[in-house]
Amino acid sequence: MSTRLDTRSSRMTETDHPLVQRYLRRLRRAAADLPAGTRNELLDNVQAHLAETTAEADEAGVRTALDELGTPEEVAAAARAETEPRSSGDRLYDIATVFILFAGGFAVPVLGWIAGVVMLWNGPRWTRGEKILGTAALPVAIIIPAAAFLSSLLVPSSSAPTVLGPVLLIGLAVVAIGLVAVFVHLLRAAARVRT
């Protein structure tokens, strides 16, 4: 028991940086709903990792170490996902989310996309960055061809037919490839977390 306390107290002195302390407080709050053993193990592991990686680091090094870990909420969500039993509905939810996110906007304009965004942000298997990527993908996919079309209108009318076709085709190809890439990335990210 005293050895464990000695270890914890030595770790505390190694992680005294204010940014590390703030990160650990946020992690404690984010992991509050985890089982006590899992929560304590998570906090000990993160604290030990930070003590090792930030021991002689300057402020920029501390920020880099914290950024590499991810937000405390993401770390807690990953630990939560590992402790929760997997249901057969997880895979179906992930597929439905990605499908509605991209096809919903075409089936029911705006509302379908909003439904997909809500499902994406409520899904526990995507990181914040992936959620932002999924949210922005369809609006950006609409803006690119619209911008290509509008830019073709600015071209003098004598050359518009020769420019309009290739510009729109290139814009649509970029959009299609980008949407498929985001679609596949979100599905693979969710599958990676489930396993």
Protein backbone atom coordinates (compact mmCIF):
# COMPACT_ATOMS: atom_id res chain seq x y z
CA MET A 1 0.00 0.00 0.00
CA SER A 2 2.73 2.48 0.94
CA THR A 3 4.62 1.59 -2.26
CA ARG A 4 1.57 2.49 -4.30
CA LEU A 5 1.25 5.80 -2.44
CA ASP A 6 4.95 6.51 -2.93
CA THR A 7 4.59 5.84 -6.64
CA ARG A 8 1.57 8.14 -6.90
CA SER A 9 3.22 10.95 -4.96
CA SER A 10 6.37 10.76 -7.11
CA ARG A 11 4.21 10.84 -10.22
CA MET A 12 2.40 13.91 -8.95
CA THR A 13 5.67 15.83 -8.73
CA GLU A 14 6.56 14.74 -12.27
CA THR A 15 3.22 15.98 -13.67
CA ASP A 16 2.98 19.34 -11.91
CA HIS A 17 2.76 21.35 -15.13
CA PRO A 18 -0.52 23.35 -15.08
CA LEU A 19 -1.54 22.07 -18.53
CA VAL A 20 -1.04 18.46 -17.41
CA GLN A 21 -2.99 19.07 -14.20
CA ARG A 22 -5.85 20.67 -16.16
CA TYR A 23 -5.83 17.72 -18.61
CA LEU A 24 -5.96 15.19 -15.76
CA ARG A 25 -8.85 17.07 -14.08
CA ARG A 26 -10.79 17.02 -17.37
CA LEU A 27 -10.00 13.32 -17.76
CA ARG A 28 -11.30 12.58 -14.24
CA ARG A 29 -14.57 14.35 -15.08
CA ALA A 30 -14.86 12.67 -18.48
CA ALA A 31 -14.20 9.22 -16.99
CA ALA A 32 -16.47 9.65 -13.97
CA ASP A 33 -19.02 7.14 -15.30
CA LEU A 34 -16.45 4.37 -15.85
CA PRO A 35 -16.22 1.53 -13.32
CA ALA A 36 -13.89 2.54 -10.48
CA GLY A 37 -11.17 0.02 -11.33
CA THR A 38 -11.16 0.95 -15.00
CA ARG A 39 -11.19 4.67 -14.20
CA ASN A 40 -8.30 4.39 -11.73
CA GLU A 41 -6.25 2.27 -14.14
CA LEU A 42 -6.89 4.75 -16.96
CA LEU A 43 -5.91 7.73 -14.81
CA ASP A 44 -2.78 5.97 -13.53
CA ASN A 45 -1.72 4.97 -17.05
CA VAL A 46 -2.29 8.44 -18.51
CA GLN A 47 -0.58 10.11 -15.57
CA ALA A 48 2.43 7.76 -15.85
CA HIS A 49 2.62 8.37 -19.60
CA LEU A 50 2.48 12.14 -19.14
CA ALA A 51 5.08 12.02 -16.36
CA GLU A 52 7.41 10.19 -18.73
CA THR A 53 6.77 12.30 -21.84
CA THR A 54 6.69 15.71 -20.15
CA ALA A 55 9.39 15.25 -17.50
CA GLU A 56 11.86 17.64 -19.12
CA ALA A 57 9.63 19.19 -21.76
CA ASP A 58 9.05 22.87 -22.26
CA GLU A 59 5.52 24.23 -22.71
CA ALA A 60 5.48 23.39 -26.43
CA GLY A 61 6.57 19.83 -25.64
CA VAL A 62 3.84 19.48 -23.02
CA ARG A 63 1.22 20.73 -25.50
CA THR A 64 2.48 18.28 -28.12
CA ALA A 65 2.31 15.37 -25.66
CA LEU A 66 -1.25 16.30 -24.71
CA ASP A 67 -2.30 16.73 -28.35
CA GLU A 68 -0.92 13.29 -29.20
CA LEU A 69 -3.06 11.72 -26.48
CA GLY A 70 -6.24 13.32 -27.79
CA THR A 71 -8.77 15.20 -25.75
CA PRO A 72 -9.64 13.81 -22.31
CA GLU A 73 -13.16 13.17 -23.62
CA GLU A 74 -11.78 11.09 -26.50
CA VAL A 75 -9.52 9.11 -24.15
CA ALA A 76 -12.45 8.44 -21.81
CA ALA A 77 -14.70 7.49 -24.74
CA ALA A 78 -12.11 4.99 -25.97
CA ALA A 79 -11.85 3.45 -22.50
CA ARG A 80 -15.64 3.38 -22.27
CA ALA A 81 -15.90 1.66 -25.66
CA GLU A 82 -13.45 -1.01 -24.49
CA THR A 83 -15.42 -1.75 -21.33
CA GLU A 84 -18.89 -1.76 -22.85
CA PRO A 85 -20.15 -5.05 -24.24
CA ARG A 86 -20.44 -4.98 -28.02
CA SER A 87 -23.91 -5.35 -29.41
CA SER A 88 -24.81 -6.50 -32.88
CA GLY A 89 -26.52 -3.14 -33.34
CA ASP A 90 -23.19 -1.26 -33.21
CA ARG A 91 -22.24 -2.15 -36.78
CA LEU A 92 -25.75 -1.44 -38.05
CA TYR A 93 -25.78 1.96 -36.30
CA ASP A 94 -22.41 2.89 -37.83
CA ILE A 95 -23.46 1.91 -41.35
CA ALA A 96 -26.85 3.64 -41.00
CA THR A 97 -25.17 6.79 -39.67
CA VAL A 98 -22.74 7.07 -42.56
CA PHE A 99 -25.43 6.19 -45.13
CA ILE A 100 -27.91 8.75 -43.76
CA LEU A 101 -25.16 11.35 -43.45
CA PHE A 102 -24.43 11.16 -47.17
CA ALA A 103 -27.62 9.88 -48.81
CA GLY A 104 -30.06 11.51 -46.40
CA GLY A 105 -29.27 14.96 -47.74
CA PHE A 106 -30.27 13.87 -51.23
CA ALA A 107 -33.38 11.90 -50.17
CA VAL A 108 -34.71 14.61 -47.85
CA PRO A 109 -32.75 17.79 -48.56
CA VAL A 110 -31.20 19.42 -45.49
CA LEU A 111 -33.23 17.40 -42.94
CA GLY A 112 -31.69 14.10 -44.04
CA TRP A 113 -28.21 15.52 -43.71
CA ILE A 114 -29.05 17.01 -40.28
CA ALA A 115 -30.29 13.58 -39.12
CA GLY A 116 -26.99 12.04 -40.24
CA VAL A 117 -24.98 14.74 -38.47
CA VAL A 118 -26.91 14.17 -35.22
CA MET A 119 -26.31 10.42 -35.46
CA LEU A 120 -22.62 11.00 -36.22
CA TRP A 121 -22.09 13.29 -33.23
CA ASN A 122 -23.97 10.88 -30.95
CA GLY A 123 -21.91 7.93 -32.20
CA PRO A 124 -19.30 6.89 -29.65
CA ARG A 125 -16.83 5.42 -32.11
CA TRP A 126 -15.69 8.52 -34.00
CA THR A 127 -13.18 11.08 -32.80
CA ARG A 128 -13.99 14.78 -32.80
CA GLY A 129 -11.91 15.29 -35.94
CA GLU A 130 -13.77 12.51 -37.76
CA LYS A 131 -17.09 14.02 -36.70
CA ILE A 132 -16.04 17.41 -38.06
CA LEU A 133 -14.87 15.77 -41.31
CA GLY A 134 -18.17 13.90 -41.70
CA THR A 135 -20.19 17.02 -40.94
CA ALA A 136 -18.34 19.14 -43.49
CA ALA A 137 -18.09 16.56 -46.29
CA LEU A 138 -21.52 17.01 -47.89
CA PRO A 139 -21.66 20.84 -47.70
CA VAL A 140 -18.18 21.02 -49.23
CA ALA A 141 -19.25 18.48 -51.86
CA ILE A 142 -22.12 20.77 -52.83
CA ILE A 143 -20.03 23.95 -52.78
CA ILE A 144 -17.30 22.65 -55.14
CA PRO A 145 -19.55 21.96 -58.18
CA ALA A 146 -21.60 25.09 -57.44
CA ALA A 147 -18.42 27.18 -57.42
CA ALA A 148 -17.25 25.52 -60.63
CA PHE A 149 -20.58 26.29 -62.27
CA LEU A 150 -20.60 29.88 -61.06
CA SER A 151 -17.02 30.42 -62.17
CA SER A 152 -17.96 29.15 -65.64
CA LEU A 153 -20.64 31.83 -65.80
CA LEU A 154 -17.96 34.47 -65.34
CA VAL A 155 -16.13 33.26 -68.45
CA PRO A 156 -17.11 35.14 -71.63
CA SER A 157 -20.06 33.48 -73.36
CA SER A 158 -18.11 32.56 -76.50
CA SER A 159 -15.81 30.15 -74.57
CA ALA A 160 -18.33 29.06 -71.90
CA PRO A 161 -19.42 25.82 -73.61
CA THR A 162 -15.85 24.65 -74.07
CA VAL A 163 -14.87 25.48 -70.48
CA LEU A 164 -18.08 24.56 -68.66
CA GLY A 165 -18.04 20.85 -69.51
CA PRO A 166 -14.51 19.99 -68.34
CA VAL A 167 -14.71 22.23 -65.25
CA LEU A 168 -17.95 20.63 -64.09
CA LEU A 169 -16.69 17.11 -64.84
CA ILE A 170 -13.50 17.69 -62.88
CA GLY A 171 -15.46 19.25 -60.00
CA LEU A 172 -17.91 16.35 -59.90
CA ALA A 173 -15.10 13.78 -60.04
CA VAL A 174 -13.28 15.46 -57.14
CA VAL A 175 -16.52 15.56 -55.15
CA ALA A 176 -17.33 11.90 -55.82
CA ILE A 177 -13.84 10.72 -54.91
CA GLY A 178 -13.81 12.89 -51.78
CA LEU A 179 -17.22 11.69 -50.59
CA VAL A 180 -16.30 8.04 -51.12
CA ALA A 181 -13.00 8.56 -49.26
CA VAL A 182 -14.76 10.17 -46.29
CA PHE A 183 -17.48 7.49 -46.36
CA VAL A 184 -14.91 4.67 -46.28
CA HIS A 185 -12.79 6.42 -43.63
CA LEU A 186 -15.74 6.82 -41.24
CA LEU A 187 -16.75 3.17 -41.65
CA ARG A 188 -13.18 1.94 -41.14
CA ALA A 189 -12.69 4.18 -38.09
CA ALA A 190 -15.87 2.82 -36.50
CA ALA A 191 -14.87 -0.79 -37.26
CA ARG A 192 -11.40 -0.20 -35.80
CA VAL A 193 -12.90 1.04 -32.52
CA ARG A 194 -15.42 -1.83 -32.35
CA THR A 195 -12.71 -4.50 -32.59
